């Protein structure tokens, strides 16, 4: 069976090649991201394998179906870049990697919190320039502060456990609260409005759906505790970036740690340092010294990369062996509450 892997980076090819031999698939690696303009590259492939910045919209799905592609395999947990309705109409199953390394993302969220709070990113550049002043580097104790966690799925739970270890109070929101888990972990579920009002640190761990798109908008920010720190390692469109910038300018938001961005596809995973940045919103965001923006790398550990390849290959094998697909994404999956 032939698989076309789009958006290939060197580490993708290395991990898939290590594991491919156990399954016997032929994998063709392509550097560009899949979209309607280059879907023809999948000609002759039985399956395509895509990542977060590939665009698998209705037109792309239509072309894939005409080319005889039988399966769309996501090598990520999120699926908002795939038109599931179009895939269902054309009879193409969609599979994903639901939890390649929850610990990797949770630990990265903590790294963002600590770096922003203690101004480590600013101190690093100062000392390299011979400036050892402490002015402007004042942080606060995490102990006794309140963390607001939106979504209590596989990534959020390790994060909650870590933050509890710092002695933080944890408020959680999920459209399907797990009261048994809350009791065992010693956390409290709250309405979203209360979570915004009380949280010193807000971290987002929910999928991108019509319901959650721009859930952090001007109205939400206005209801938050002044000086709140916002962490987003989920999906860029959970936050209205223009509203975030206004909140930063008005000093209502104390800091923001972002591993994702609304329009990241044009920049993330590429070296654009030799080009003029033409995204004014992104440029403005990068101008704040209380913002850390990284290129969707929270998942990026050795364990996660190997797990992505392993689970993806197993998904492919299950499909071609006509077995049940435990990681299939259906239209109904869009209703799932948390990541």
C-alpha atoms as a PDB file:
ATOM      1  CA  UNK A   1       0.000   0.000   0.000  1.00  0.00           C
ATOM      2  CA  UNK A   2       1.229   3.484  -0.878  1.00  0.00           C
ATOM      3  CA  UNK A   3       0.967   6.431   1.528  1.00  0.00           C
ATOM      4  CA  UNK A   4       1.676  10.082   0.663  1.00  0.00           C
ATOM      5  CA  UNK A   5       2.905  11.984   3.708  1.00  0.00           C
ATOM      6  CA  UNK A   6       2.449  15.749   3.325  1.00  0.00           C
ATOM      7  CA  UNK A   7       4.166  18.556   5.226  1.00  0.00           C
ATOM      8  CA  UNK A   8       7.197  16.361   5.840  1.00  0.00           C
ATOM      9  CA  UNK A   9       9.975  17.593   8.094  1.00  0.00           C
ATOM     10  CA  UNK A  10      13.261  15.679   8.505  1.00  0.00           C
ATOM     11  CA  UNK A  11      12.222  14.371  11.916  1.00  0.00           C
ATOM     12  CA  UNK A  12       8.957  13.046  10.442  1.00  0.00           C
ATOM     13  CA  UNK A  13      10.775  11.029   7.831  1.00  0.00           C
ATOM     14  CA  UNK A  14      13.282   9.673  10.334  1.00  0.00           C
ATOM     15  CA  UNK A  15      10.618   8.466  12.773  1.00  0.00           C
ATOM     16  CA  UNK A  16       8.344   7.000  10.072  1.00  0.00           C
ATOM     17  CA  UNK A  17      11.237   5.224   8.372  1.00  0.00           C
ATOM     18  CA  UNK A  18      12.239   3.576  11.646  1.00  0.00           C
ATOM     19  CA  UNK A  19       8.735   2.170  12.082  1.00  0.00           C
ATOM     20  CA  UNK A  20       7.640   1.652   8.462  1.00  0.00           C
ATOM     21  CA  UNK A  21       9.737  -1.492   8.049  1.00  0.00           C
ATOM     22  CA  UNK A  22       7.550  -3.312  10.569  1.00  0.00           C
ATOM     23  CA  UNK A  23       4.464  -2.683   8.432  1.00  0.00           C
ATOM     24  CA  UNK A  24       5.721  -2.841   4.863  1.00  0.00           C
ATOM     25  CA  UNK A  25       3.986   0.288   3.548  1.00  0.00           C
ATOM     26  CA  UNK A  26       5.528   2.364   0.811  1.00  0.00           C
ATOM     27  CA  UNK A  27       5.698   5.971   2.012  1.00  0.00           C
ATOM     28  CA  UNK A  28       6.302   8.940  -0.271  1.00  0.00           C
ATOM     29  CA  UNK A  29       7.362  12.094   1.551  1.00  0.00           C
ATOM     30  CA  UNK A  30       6.369  15.532   0.318  1.00  0.00           C
ATOM     31  CA  UNK A  31       7.571  18.823   1.788  1.00  0.00           C
ATOM     32  CA  UNK A  32       4.547  20.977   0.896  1.00  0.00           C
ATOM     33  CA  UNK A  33       1.290  21.164   2.812  1.00  0.00           C
ATOM     34  CA  UNK A  34      -1.720  19.479   1.263  1.00  0.00           C
ATOM     35  CA  UNK A  35      -4.407  21.752  -0.158  1.00  0.00           C
ATOM     36  CA  UNK A  36      -6.745  21.918  -3.132  1.00  0.00           C
ATOM     37  CA  UNK A  37      -3.996  23.306  -5.377  1.00  0.00           C
ATOM     38  CA  UNK A  38      -1.608  20.377  -4.954  1.00  0.00           C
ATOM     39  CA  UNK A  39      -3.948  17.478  -4.163  1.00  0.00           C
ATOM     40  CA  UNK A  40      -2.969  15.951  -7.509  1.00  0.00           C
ATOM     41  CA  UNK A  41       0.312  14.940  -5.857  1.00  0.00           C
ATOM     42  CA  UNK A  42      -1.662  12.182  -4.129  1.00  0.00           C
ATOM     43  CA  UNK A  43      -2.291  10.421  -7.436  1.00  0.00           C
ATOM     44  CA  UNK A  44      -1.553   6.729  -7.027  1.00  0.00           C
ATOM     45  CA  UNK A  45      -1.644   6.865  -3.221  1.00  0.00           C
ATOM     46  CA  UNK A  46      -3.997   4.665  -1.232  1.00  0.00           C
ATOM     47  CA  UNK A  47      -3.868   7.021   1.751  1.00  0.00           C
ATOM     48  CA  UNK A  48      -2.664  10.511   2.615  1.00  0.00           C
ATOM     49  CA  UNK A  49      -1.075  11.435   5.925  1.00  0.00           C
ATOM     50  CA  UNK A  50      -1.442  15.068   7.033  1.00  0.00           C
ATOM     51  CA  UNK A  51      -0.581  17.373   9.931  1.00  0.00           C
ATOM     52  CA  UNK A  52      -2.026  20.519  11.509  1.00  0.00           C
ATOM     53  CA  UNK A  53      -1.197  22.965   8.699  1.00  0.00           C
ATOM     54  CA  UNK A  54      -2.543  20.865   5.846  1.00  0.00           C
ATOM     55  CA  UNK A  55      -5.884  22.083   4.460  1.00  0.00           C
ATOM     56  CA  UNK A  56      -8.226  19.164   3.841  1.00  0.00           C
ATOM     57  CA  UNK A  57     -11.323  21.149   2.935  1.00  0.00           C
ATOM     58  CA  UNK A  58     -14.287  20.002   0.828  1.00  0.00           C
ATOM     59  CA  UNK A  59     -12.557  20.667  -2.493  1.00  0.00           C
ATOM     60  CA  UNK A  60      -9.397  18.855  -1.410  1.00  0.00           C
ATOM     61  CA  UNK A  61     -11.453  15.883  -0.219  1.00  0.00           C
ATOM     62  CA  UNK A  62     -13.311  15.796  -3.530  1.00  0.00           C
ATOM     63  CA  UNK A  63     -10.058  15.657  -5.460  1.00  0.00           C
ATOM     64  CA  UNK A  64      -8.626  12.986  -3.179  1.00  0.00           C
ATOM     65  CA  UNK A  65     -11.725  10.867  -3.715  1.00  0.00           C
ATOM     66  CA  UNK A  66     -11.424  11.209  -7.506  1.00  0.00           C
ATOM     67  CA  UNK A  67      -7.782  10.132  -7.258  1.00  0.00           C
ATOM     68  CA  UNK A  68      -8.798   6.969  -5.430  1.00  0.00           C
ATOM     69  CA  UNK A  69      -7.473   7.896  -1.988  1.00  0.00           C
ATOM     70  CA  UNK A  70      -9.139   5.593   0.530  1.00  0.00           C
ATOM     71  CA  UNK A  71      -8.022   7.032   3.885  1.00  0.00           C
ATOM     72  CA  UNK A  72      -7.028  10.351   5.449  1.00  0.00           C
ATOM     73  CA  UNK A  73      -4.624   9.771   8.332  1.00  0.00           C
ATOM     74  CA  UNK A  74      -3.960  12.680  10.672  1.00  0.00           C
ATOM     75  CA  UNK A  75      -0.682  12.476  12.549  1.00  0.00           C
ATOM     76  CA  UNK A  76      -2.039  14.822  15.226  1.00  0.00           C
ATOM     77  CA  UNK A  77      -4.923  14.977  17.686  1.00  0.00           C
ATOM     78  CA  UNK A  78      -6.734  18.007  16.248  1.00  0.00           C
ATOM     79  CA  UNK A  79      -8.982  17.599  13.231  1.00  0.00           C
ATOM     80  CA  UNK A  80     -10.395  21.088  12.629  1.00  0.00           C
ATOM     81  CA  UNK A  81      -8.456  21.320   9.338  1.00  0.00           C
ATOM     82  CA  UNK A  82     -10.430  18.410   7.841  1.00  0.00           C
ATOM     83  CA  UNK A  83     -13.945  18.752   6.444  1.00  0.00           C
ATOM     84  CA  UNK A  84     -15.416  15.678   8.122  1.00  0.00           C
ATOM     85  CA  UNK A  85     -18.764  16.112   6.393  1.00  0.00           C
ATOM     86  CA  UNK A  86     -17.100  16.069   2.969  1.00  0.00           C
ATOM     87  CA  UNK A  87     -15.021  13.035   3.910  1.00  0.00           C
ATOM     88  CA  UNK A  88     -18.178  11.205   5.030  1.00  0.00           C
ATOM     89  CA  UNK A  89     -19.976  12.095   1.780  1.00  0.00           C
ATOM     90  CA  UNK A  90     -17.124  10.638  -0.264  1.00  0.00           C
ATOM     91  CA  UNK A  91     -16.780   7.582   1.970  1.00  0.00           C
ATOM     92  CA  UNK A  92     -13.220   8.351   3.094  1.00  0.00           C
ATOM     93  CA  UNK A  93     -12.555   7.483   6.747  1.00  0.00           C
ATOM     94  CA  UNK A  94     -10.459   9.900   8.817  1.00  0.00           C
ATOM     95  CA  UNK A  95      -8.195   8.650  11.601  1.00  0.00           C
ATOM     96  CA  UNK A  96      -6.015  10.564  14.044  1.00  0.00           C
ATOM     97  CA  UNK A  97      -3.490  10.219  16.870  1.00  0.00           C
ATOM     98  CA  UNK A  98      -5.599  11.207  19.880  1.00  0.00           C
ATOM     99  CA  UNK A  99      -2.861  11.376  22.526  1.00  0.00           C
ATOM    100  CA  UNK A 100       0.711  11.146  21.283  1.00  0.00           C
ATOM    101  CA  UNK A 101       2.176  12.559  24.486  1.00  0.00           C
ATOM    102  CA  UNK A 102      -0.101  14.423  26.868  1.00  0.00           C
ATOM    103  CA  UNK A 103       2.862  14.891  29.211  1.00  0.00           C
ATOM    104  CA  UNK A 104       4.867  16.693  26.528  1.00  0.00           C
ATOM    105  CA  UNK A 105       2.191  19.358  26.006  1.00  0.00           C
ATOM    106  CA  UNK A 106       1.391  19.663  29.709  1.00  0.00           C
ATOM    107  CA  UNK A 107       5.052  20.128  30.613  1.00  0.00           C
ATOM    108  CA  UNK A 108       5.443  22.721  27.871  1.00  0.00           C
ATOM    109  CA  UNK A 109       2.485  24.686  29.213  1.00  0.00           C
ATOM    110  CA  UNK A 110       4.247  24.758  32.586  1.00  0.00           C
ATOM    111  CA  UNK A 111       7.451  25.922  30.887  1.00  0.00           C
ATOM    112  CA  UNK A 112       5.557  28.844  29.371  1.00  0.00           C
ATOM    113  CA  UNK A 113       4.003  29.712  32.741  1.00  0.00           C
ATOM    114  CA  UNK A 114       7.342  29.695  34.565  1.00  0.00           C
ATOM    115  CA  UNK A 115       9.195  31.569  31.803  1.00  0.00           C
ATOM    116  CA  UNK A 116       6.581  34.322  31.627  1.00  0.00           C
ATOM    117  CA  UNK A 117       6.154  34.639  35.381  1.00  0.00           C
ATOM    118  CA  UNK A 118       9.861  34.816  36.219  1.00  0.00           C
ATOM    119  CA  UNK A 119      10.761  36.692  32.986  1.00  0.00           C
ATOM    120  CA  UNK A 120      13.352  34.050  32.096  1.00  0.00           C
ATOM    121  CA  UNK A 121      13.213  34.913  28.390  1.00  0.00           C
ATOM    122  CA  UNK A 122      14.052  38.542  29.148  1.00  0.00           C
ATOM    123  CA  UNK A 123      16.747  37.697  31.715  1.00  0.00           C
ATOM    124  CA  UNK A 124      18.446  35.391  29.201  1.00  0.00           C
ATOM    125  CA  UNK A 125      18.874  38.142  26.642  1.00  0.00           C
ATOM    126  CA  UNK A 126      19.884  40.715  29.263  1.00  0.00           C
ATOM    127  CA  UNK A 127      22.738  38.684  30.725  1.00  0.00           C
ATOM    128  CA  UNK A 128      24.069  37.824  27.251  1.00  0.00           C
ATOM    129  CA  UNK A 129      24.352  41.583  26.751  1.00  0.00           C
ATOM    130  CA  UNK A 130      26.075  42.075  30.099  1.00  0.00           C
ATOM    131  CA  UNK A 131      22.973  43.476  31.830  1.00  0.00           C
ATOM    132  CA  UNK A 132      22.476  41.824  35.230  1.00  0.00           C
ATOM    133  CA  UNK A 133      19.855  44.238  36.542  1.00  0.00           C
ATOM    134  CA  UNK A 134      16.749  42.764  38.159  1.00  0.00           C
ATOM    135  CA  UNK A 135      14.548  45.725  37.259  1.00  0.00           C
ATOM    136  CA  UNK A 136      11.400  44.586  35.480  1.00  0.00           C
ATOM    137  CA  UNK A 137      11.912  40.897  36.244  1.00  0.00           C
ATOM    138  CA  UNK A 138       9.658  40.641  39.300  1.00  0.00           C
ATOM    139  CA  UNK A 139       7.424  37.565  39.339  1.00  0.00           C
ATOM    140  CA  UNK A 140       5.014  35.986  41.821  1.00  0.00           C
ATOM    141  CA  UNK A 141       4.726  32.731  43.754  1.00  0.00           C
ATOM    142  CA  UNK A 142       2.547  30.138  42.049  1.00  0.00           C
ATOM    143  CA  UNK A 143       1.751  28.717  45.476  1.00  0.00           C
ATOM    144  CA  UNK A 144      -1.744  29.709  46.534  1.00  0.00           C
ATOM    145  CA  UNK A 145      -2.696  31.170  43.147  1.00  0.00           C
ATOM    146  CA  UNK A 146      -5.646  29.948  41.072  1.00  0.00           C
ATOM    147  CA  UNK A 147      -5.256  28.167  37.746  1.00  0.00           C
ATOM    148  CA  UNK A 148      -8.244  28.049  35.407  1.00  0.00           C
ATOM    149  CA  UNK A 149      -8.140  25.043  33.081  1.00  0.00           C
ATOM    150  CA  UNK A 150     -10.531  24.939  30.136  1.00  0.00           C
ATOM    151  CA  UNK A 151     -11.053  21.302  29.166  1.00  0.00           C
ATOM    152  CA  UNK A 152     -10.077  18.360  31.377  1.00  0.00           C
ATOM    153  CA  UNK A 153      -8.993  15.761  28.840  1.00  0.00           C
ATOM    154  CA  UNK A 154      -5.792  13.803  28.346  1.00  0.00           C
ATOM    155  CA  UNK A 155      -3.481  16.834  28.152  1.00  0.00           C
ATOM    156  CA  UNK A 156      -5.108  18.919  30.858  1.00  0.00           C
ATOM    157  CA  UNK A 157      -4.979  16.186  33.506  1.00  0.00           C
ATOM    158  CA  UNK A 158      -1.168  15.895  33.689  1.00  0.00           C
ATOM    159  CA  UNK A 159      -1.017  19.715  33.727  1.00  0.00           C
ATOM    160  CA  UNK A 160      -3.491  19.884  36.599  1.00  0.00           C
ATOM    161  CA  UNK A 161      -1.440  17.342  38.524  1.00  0.00           C
ATOM    162  CA  UNK A 162       1.729  19.416  38.029  1.00  0.00           C
ATOM    163  CA  UNK A 163       0.044  22.669  39.046  1.00  0.00           C
ATOM    164  CA  UNK A 164      -1.374  21.005  42.152  1.00  0.00           C
ATOM    165  CA  UNK A 165       2.219  20.119  42.989  1.00  0.00           C
ATOM    166  CA  UNK A 166       3.027  23.836  43.030  1.00  0.00           C
ATOM    167  CA  UNK A 167       0.284  24.304  45.602  1.00  0.00           C
ATOM    168  CA  UNK A 168      -2.107  26.011  43.212  1.00  0.00           C
ATOM    169  CA  UNK A 169      -5.876  25.940  43.484  1.00  0.00           C
ATOM    170  CA  UNK A 170      -7.342  24.526  40.270  1.00  0.00           C
ATOM    171  CA  UNK A 171     -10.690  25.542  38.793  1.00  0.00           C
ATOM    172  CA  UNK A 172     -11.765  23.595  35.726  1.00  0.00           C
ATOM    173  CA  UNK A 173     -14.396  23.956  33.045  1.00  0.00           C
ATOM    174  CA  UNK A 174     -15.618  21.250  30.718  1.00  0.00           C
ATOM    175  CA  UNK A 175     -18.947  20.894  28.952  1.00  0.00           C
ATOM    176  CA  UNK A 176     -18.921  17.309  30.259  1.00  0.00           C
ATOM    177  CA  UNK A 177     -17.493  17.640  33.787  1.00  0.00           C
ATOM    178  CA  UNK A 178     -16.026  14.496  35.327  1.00  0.00           C
ATOM    179  CA  UNK A 179     -16.982  14.838  38.970  1.00  0.00           C
ATOM    180  CA  UNK A 180     -15.314  11.561  39.948  1.00  0.00           C
ATOM    181  CA  UNK A 181     -12.016  12.815  38.538  1.00  0.00           C
ATOM    182  CA  UNK A 182     -12.467  16.202  40.260  1.00  0.00           C
ATOM    183  CA  UNK A 183     -13.010  14.523  43.619  1.00  0.00           C
ATOM    184  CA  UNK A 184      -9.980  12.271  43.202  1.00  0.00           C
ATOM    185  CA  UNK A 185      -7.700  15.116  42.081  1.00  0.00           C
ATOM    186  CA  UNK A 186      -9.029  17.661  44.546  1.00  0.00           C
ATOM    187  CA  UNK A 187     -10.134  20.236  41.994  1.00  0.00           C
ATOM    188  CA  UNK A 188     -13.351  22.158  41.468  1.00  0.00           C
ATOM    189  CA  UNK A 189     -15.465  22.514  38.345  1.00  0.00           C
ATOM    190  CA  UNK A 190     -16.889  25.983  37.778  1.00  0.00           C
ATOM    191  CA  UNK A 191     -18.885  27.875  35.198  1.00  0.00           C
ATOM    192  CA  UNK A 192     -16.741  29.498  32.529  1.00  0.00           C
ATOM    193  CA  UNK A 193     -17.668  32.986  33.763  1.00  0.00           C
ATOM    194  CA  UNK A 194     -16.508  32.156  37.299  1.00  0.00           C
ATOM    195  CA  UNK A 195     -13.302  30.613  36.002  1.00  0.00           C
ATOM    196  CA  UNK A 196     -12.508  33.789  34.039  1.00  0.00           C
ATOM    197  CA  UNK A 197     -13.259  35.923  37.096  1.00  0.00           C
ATOM    198  CA  UNK A 198     -11.083  33.967  39.539  1.00  0.00           C
ATOM    199  CA  UNK A 199      -8.157  32.580  37.545  1.00  0.00           C
ATOM    200  CA  UNK A 200      -4.674  34.076  37.895  1.00  0.00           C
ATOM    201  CA  UNK A 201      -3.493  31.770  35.097  1.00  0.00           C
ATOM    202  CA  UNK A 202      -5.814  30.537  32.343  1.00  0.00           C
ATOM    203  CA  UNK A 203      -4.772  27.558  30.184  1.00  0.00           C
ATOM    204  CA  UNK A 204      -6.745  26.308  27.177  1.00  0.00           C
ATOM    205  CA  UNK A 205      -7.038  22.577  26.448  1.00  0.00           C
ATOM    206  CA  UNK A 206     -10.218  22.191  24.430  1.00  0.00           C
ATOM    207  CA  UNK A 207     -10.701  21.332  20.751  1.00  0.00           C
ATOM    208  CA  UNK A 208     -11.521  23.925  18.122  1.00  0.00           C
ATOM    209  CA  UNK A 209     -15.214  23.739  17.227  1.00  0.00           C
ATOM    210  CA  UNK A 210     -17.844  26.273  16.198  1.00  0.00           C
ATOM    211  CA  UNK A 211     -18.644  26.601  19.891  1.00  0.00           C
ATOM    212  CA  UNK A 212     -15.054  27.264  21.032  1.00  0.00           C
ATOM    213  CA  UNK A 213     -13.799  29.399  18.124  1.00  0.00           C
ATOM    214  CA  UNK A 214     -12.806  32.811  19.584  1.00  0.00           C
ATOM    215  CA  UNK A 215     -14.038  31.779  23.016  1.00  0.00           C
ATOM    216  CA  UNK A 216     -11.400  34.198  24.294  1.00  0.00           C
ATOM    217  CA  UNK A 217     -12.746  37.420  22.806  1.00  0.00           C
ATOM    218  CA  UNK A 218     -13.078  40.992  24.024  1.00  0.00           C
ATOM    219  CA  UNK A 219     -16.065  40.187  26.225  1.00  0.00           C
ATOM    220  CA  UNK A 220     -14.324  37.228  27.861  1.00  0.00           C
ATOM    221  CA  UNK A 221     -11.134  39.230  28.468  1.00  0.00           C
ATOM    222  CA  UNK A 222     -13.119  42.074  30.031  1.00  0.00           C
ATOM    223  CA  UNK A 223     -14.523  39.620  32.585  1.00  0.00           C
ATOM    224  CA  UNK A 224     -11.128  38.222  33.561  1.00  0.00           C
ATOM    225  CA  UNK A 225      -9.069  39.012  36.611  1.00  0.00           C
ATOM    226  CA  UNK A 226      -6.801  42.006  35.865  1.00  0.00           C
ATOM    227  CA  UNK A 227      -3.267  40.823  35.120  1.00  0.00           C
ATOM    228  CA  UNK A 228      -4.325  37.293  34.140  1.00  0.00           C
ATOM    229  CA  UNK A 229      -1.804  35.103  32.320  1.00  0.00           C
ATOM    230  CA  UNK A 230      -3.240  33.276  29.299  1.00  0.00           C
ATOM    231  CA  UNK A 231      -1.642  30.068  28.013  1.00  0.00           C
ATOM    232  CA  UNK A 232      -2.690  28.457  24.733  1.00  0.00           C
ATOM    233  CA  UNK A 233      -1.095  25.203  23.599  1.00  0.00           C
ATOM    234  CA  UNK A 234      -4.278  24.029  21.874  1.00  0.00           C
ATOM    235  CA  UNK A 235      -5.512  25.759  18.723  1.00  0.00           C
ATOM    236  CA  UNK A 236      -4.845  29.327  17.629  1.00  0.00           C
ATOM    237  CA  UNK A 237      -8.438  30.161  16.784  1.00  0.00           C
ATOM    238  CA  UNK A 238      -9.569  29.610  20.364  1.00  0.00           C
ATOM    239  CA  UNK A 239      -8.351  33.197  20.870  1.00  0.00           C
ATOM    240  CA  UNK A 240      -9.375  36.300  18.954  1.00  0.00           C
ATOM    241  CA  UNK A 241      -5.867  37.666  18.474  1.00  0.00           C
ATOM    242  CA  UNK A 242      -6.995  41.243  17.934  1.00  0.00           C
ATOM    243  CA  UNK A 243      -8.871  41.153  21.247  1.00  0.00           C
ATOM    244  CA  UNK A 244      -5.806  39.626  22.914  1.00  0.00           C
ATOM    245  CA  UNK A 245      -3.628  42.472  21.648  1.00  0.00           C
ATOM    246  CA  UNK A 246      -6.101  45.033  22.978  1.00  0.00           C
ATOM    247  CA  UNK A 247      -6.104  43.267  26.346  1.00  0.00           C
ATOM    248  CA  UNK A 248      -2.307  43.375  26.425  1.00  0.00           C
ATOM    249  CA  UNK A 249      -2.233  47.056  25.462  1.00  0.00           C
ATOM    250  CA  UNK A 250      -4.769  47.905  28.176  1.00  0.00           C
ATOM    251  CA  UNK A 251      -2.713  45.827  30.664  1.00  0.00           C
ATOM    252  CA  UNK A 252      -5.765  43.738  31.552  1.00  0.00           C
ATOM    253  CA  UNK A 253      -3.763  40.713  30.396  1.00  0.00           C
ATOM    254  CA  UNK A 254      -0.520  40.415  32.313  1.00  0.00           C
ATOM    255  CA  UNK A 255       1.169  37.929  29.991  1.00  0.00           C
ATOM    256  CA  UNK A 256       0.424  35.459  27.203  1.00  0.00           C
ATOM    257  CA  UNK A 257       2.172  32.196  26.371  1.00  0.00           C
ATOM    258  CA  UNK A 258       1.153  31.018  22.908  1.00  0.00           C
ATOM    259  CA  UNK A 259       2.337  27.917  21.095  1.00  0.00           C
ATOM    260  CA  UNK A 260      -0.333  28.420  18.433  1.00  0.00           C
ATOM    261  CA  UNK A 261      -1.623  31.318  16.342  1.00  0.00           C
ATOM    262  CA  UNK A 262      -4.764  31.877  14.281  1.00  0.00           C
ATOM    263  CA  UNK A 263      -2.955  32.244  10.954  1.00  0.00           C
ATOM    264  CA  UNK A 264       0.045  30.077  11.759  1.00  0.00           C
ATOM    265  CA  UNK A 265       0.025  28.038   8.537  1.00  0.00           C
ATOM    266  CA  UNK A 266       1.884  30.749   6.612  1.00  0.00           C
ATOM    267  CA  UNK A 267       4.784  30.797   9.101  1.00  0.00           C
ATOM    268  CA  UNK A 268       4.974  27.863  11.481  1.00  0.00           C
ATOM    269  CA  UNK A 269       7.459  25.062  10.706  1.00  0.00           C
ATOM    270  CA  UNK A 270       9.203  27.267   8.138  1.00  0.00           C
ATOM    271  CA  UNK A 271      12.249  29.544   8.273  1.00  0.00           C
ATOM    272  CA  UNK A 272      10.950  32.944   7.177  1.00  0.00           C
ATOM    273  CA  UNK A 273      13.751  34.972   8.755  1.00  0.00           C
ATOM    274  CA  UNK A 274      14.941  36.254   5.371  1.00  0.00           C
ATOM    275  CA  UNK A 275      11.525  37.726   4.495  1.00  0.00           C
ATOM    276  CA  UNK A 276       9.634  40.823   5.581  1.00  0.00           C
ATOM    277  CA  UNK A 277       6.764  39.777   7.844  1.00  0.00           C
ATOM    278  CA  UNK A 278       3.556  40.851   6.153  1.00  0.00           C
ATOM    279  CA  UNK A 279       1.213  39.686   8.901  1.00  0.00           C
ATOM    280  CA  UNK A 280       0.664  42.895  10.874  1.00  0.00           C
ATOM    281  CA  UNK A 281      -1.218  41.126  13.665  1.00  0.00           C
ATOM    282  CA  UNK A 282       1.565  38.588  14.200  1.00  0.00           C
ATOM    283  CA  UNK A 283       4.205  41.332  14.093  1.00  0.00           C
ATOM    284  CA  UNK A 284       2.295  43.321  16.717  1.00  0.00           C
ATOM    285  CA  UNK A 285       1.962  40.267  18.926  1.00  0.00           C
ATOM    286  CA  UNK A 286       5.701  39.615  18.748  1.00  0.00           C
ATOM    287  CA  UNK A 287       6.430  43.195  19.847  1.00  0.00           C
ATOM    288  CA  UNK A 288       5.210  42.623  23.428  1.00  0.00           C
ATOM    289  CA  UNK A 289       7.879  41.682  25.964  1.00  0.00           C
ATOM    290  CA  UNK A 290       5.274  39.881  28.075  1.00  0.00           C
ATOM    291  CA  UNK A 291       4.340  37.514  25.243  1.00  0.00           C
ATOM    292  CA  UNK A 292       6.126  34.282  24.388  1.00  0.00           C
ATOM    293  CA  UNK A 293       5.098  32.907  21.000  1.00  0.00           C
ATOM    294  CA  UNK A 294       6.521  29.592  19.809  1.00  0.00           C
ATOM    295  CA  UNK A 295       5.882  27.607  16.645  1.00  0.00           C
ATOM    296  CA  UNK A 296       3.465  24.850  17.712  1.00  0.00           C
ATOM    297  CA  UNK A 297       6.214  22.822  19.345  1.00  0.00           C
ATOM    298  CA  UNK A 298       4.621  21.761  22.634  1.00  0.00           C
ATOM    299  CA  UNK A 299       4.251  18.201  21.346  1.00  0.00           C
ATOM    300  CA  UNK A 300       7.849  18.037  20.142  1.00  0.00           C
ATOM    301  CA  UNK A 301       9.615  15.401  22.229  1.00  0.00           C
ATOM    302  CA  UNK A 302      11.331  12.177  21.139  1.00  0.00           C
ATOM    303  CA  UNK A 303       8.625  10.159  22.817  1.00  0.00           C
ATOM    304  CA  UNK A 304       5.823  12.046  21.098  1.00  0.00           C
ATOM    305  CA  UNK A 305       7.367  11.896  17.619  1.00  0.00           C
ATOM    306  CA  UNK A 306       7.885   8.142  17.849  1.00  0.00           C
ATOM    307  CA  UNK A 307       4.384   7.638  19.238  1.00  0.00           C
ATOM    308  CA  UNK A 308       2.858   9.691  16.402  1.00  0.00           C
ATOM    309  CA  UNK A 309       4.562   7.480  13.827  1.00  0.00           C
ATOM    310  CA  UNK A 310       3.659   4.267  15.655  1.00  0.00           C
ATOM    311  CA  UNK A 311      -0.027   5.101  16.115  1.00  0.00           C
ATOM    312  CA  UNK A 312      -0.346   6.463  12.570  1.00  0.00           C
ATOM    313  CA  UNK A 313       1.140   3.296  11.095  1.00  0.00           C
ATOM    314  CA  UNK A 314      -1.167   1.182  13.242  1.00  0.00           C
ATOM    315  CA  UNK A 315      -4.148   3.252  12.074  1.00  0.00           C
ATOM    316  CA  UNK A 316      -3.134   2.625   8.464  1.00  0.00           C
ATOM    317  CA  UNK A 317      -2.604  -1.065   9.121  1.00  0.00           C
ATOM    318  CA  UNK A 318      -5.971  -1.414  10.849  1.00  0.00           C
ATOM    319  CA  UNK A 319      -7.698   0.158   7.859  1.00  0.00           C
ATOM    320  CA  UNK A 320      -6.018  -1.896   5.172  1.00  0.00           C
ATOM    321  CA  UNK A 321      -6.460  -5.074   7.227  1.00  0.00           C
ATOM    322  CA  UNK A 322     -10.178  -4.159   7.477  1.00  0.00           C
ATOM    323  CA  UNK A 323     -10.130  -4.051  11.263  1.00  0.00           C
ATOM    324  CA  UNK A 324     -12.067  -1.726  13.545  1.00  0.00           C
ATOM    325  CA  UNK A 325     -10.648   1.825  13.612  1.00  0.00           C
ATOM    326  CA  UNK A 326     -10.445   2.887  17.289  1.00  0.00           C
ATOM    327  CA  UNK A 327      -9.016   6.286  16.338  1.00  0.00           C
ATOM    328  CA  UNK A 328     -11.515   7.140  13.625  1.00  0.00           C
ATOM    329  CA  UNK A 329     -12.850  10.699  13.605  1.00  0.00           C
ATOM    330  CA  UNK A 330     -16.522  10.983  12.686  1.00  0.00           C
ATOM    331  CA  UNK A 331     -18.776  14.016  12.385  1.00  0.00           C
ATOM    332  CA  UNK A 332     -20.037  13.228  15.889  1.00  0.00           C
ATOM    333  CA  UNK A 333     -16.467  13.561  17.215  1.00  0.00           C
ATOM    334  CA  UNK A 334     -16.788  17.343  16.826  1.00  0.00           C
ATOM    335  CA  UNK A 335     -18.913  17.276  19.982  1.00  0.00           C
ATOM    336  CA  UNK A 336     -16.082  15.942  22.129  1.00  0.00           C
ATOM    337  CA  UNK A 337     -15.360  18.425  24.931  1.00  0.00           C
ATOM    338  CA  UNK A 338     -11.662  18.402  25.601  1.00  0.00           C
ATOM    339  CA  UNK A 339      -8.230  17.507  24.361  1.00  0.00           C
END
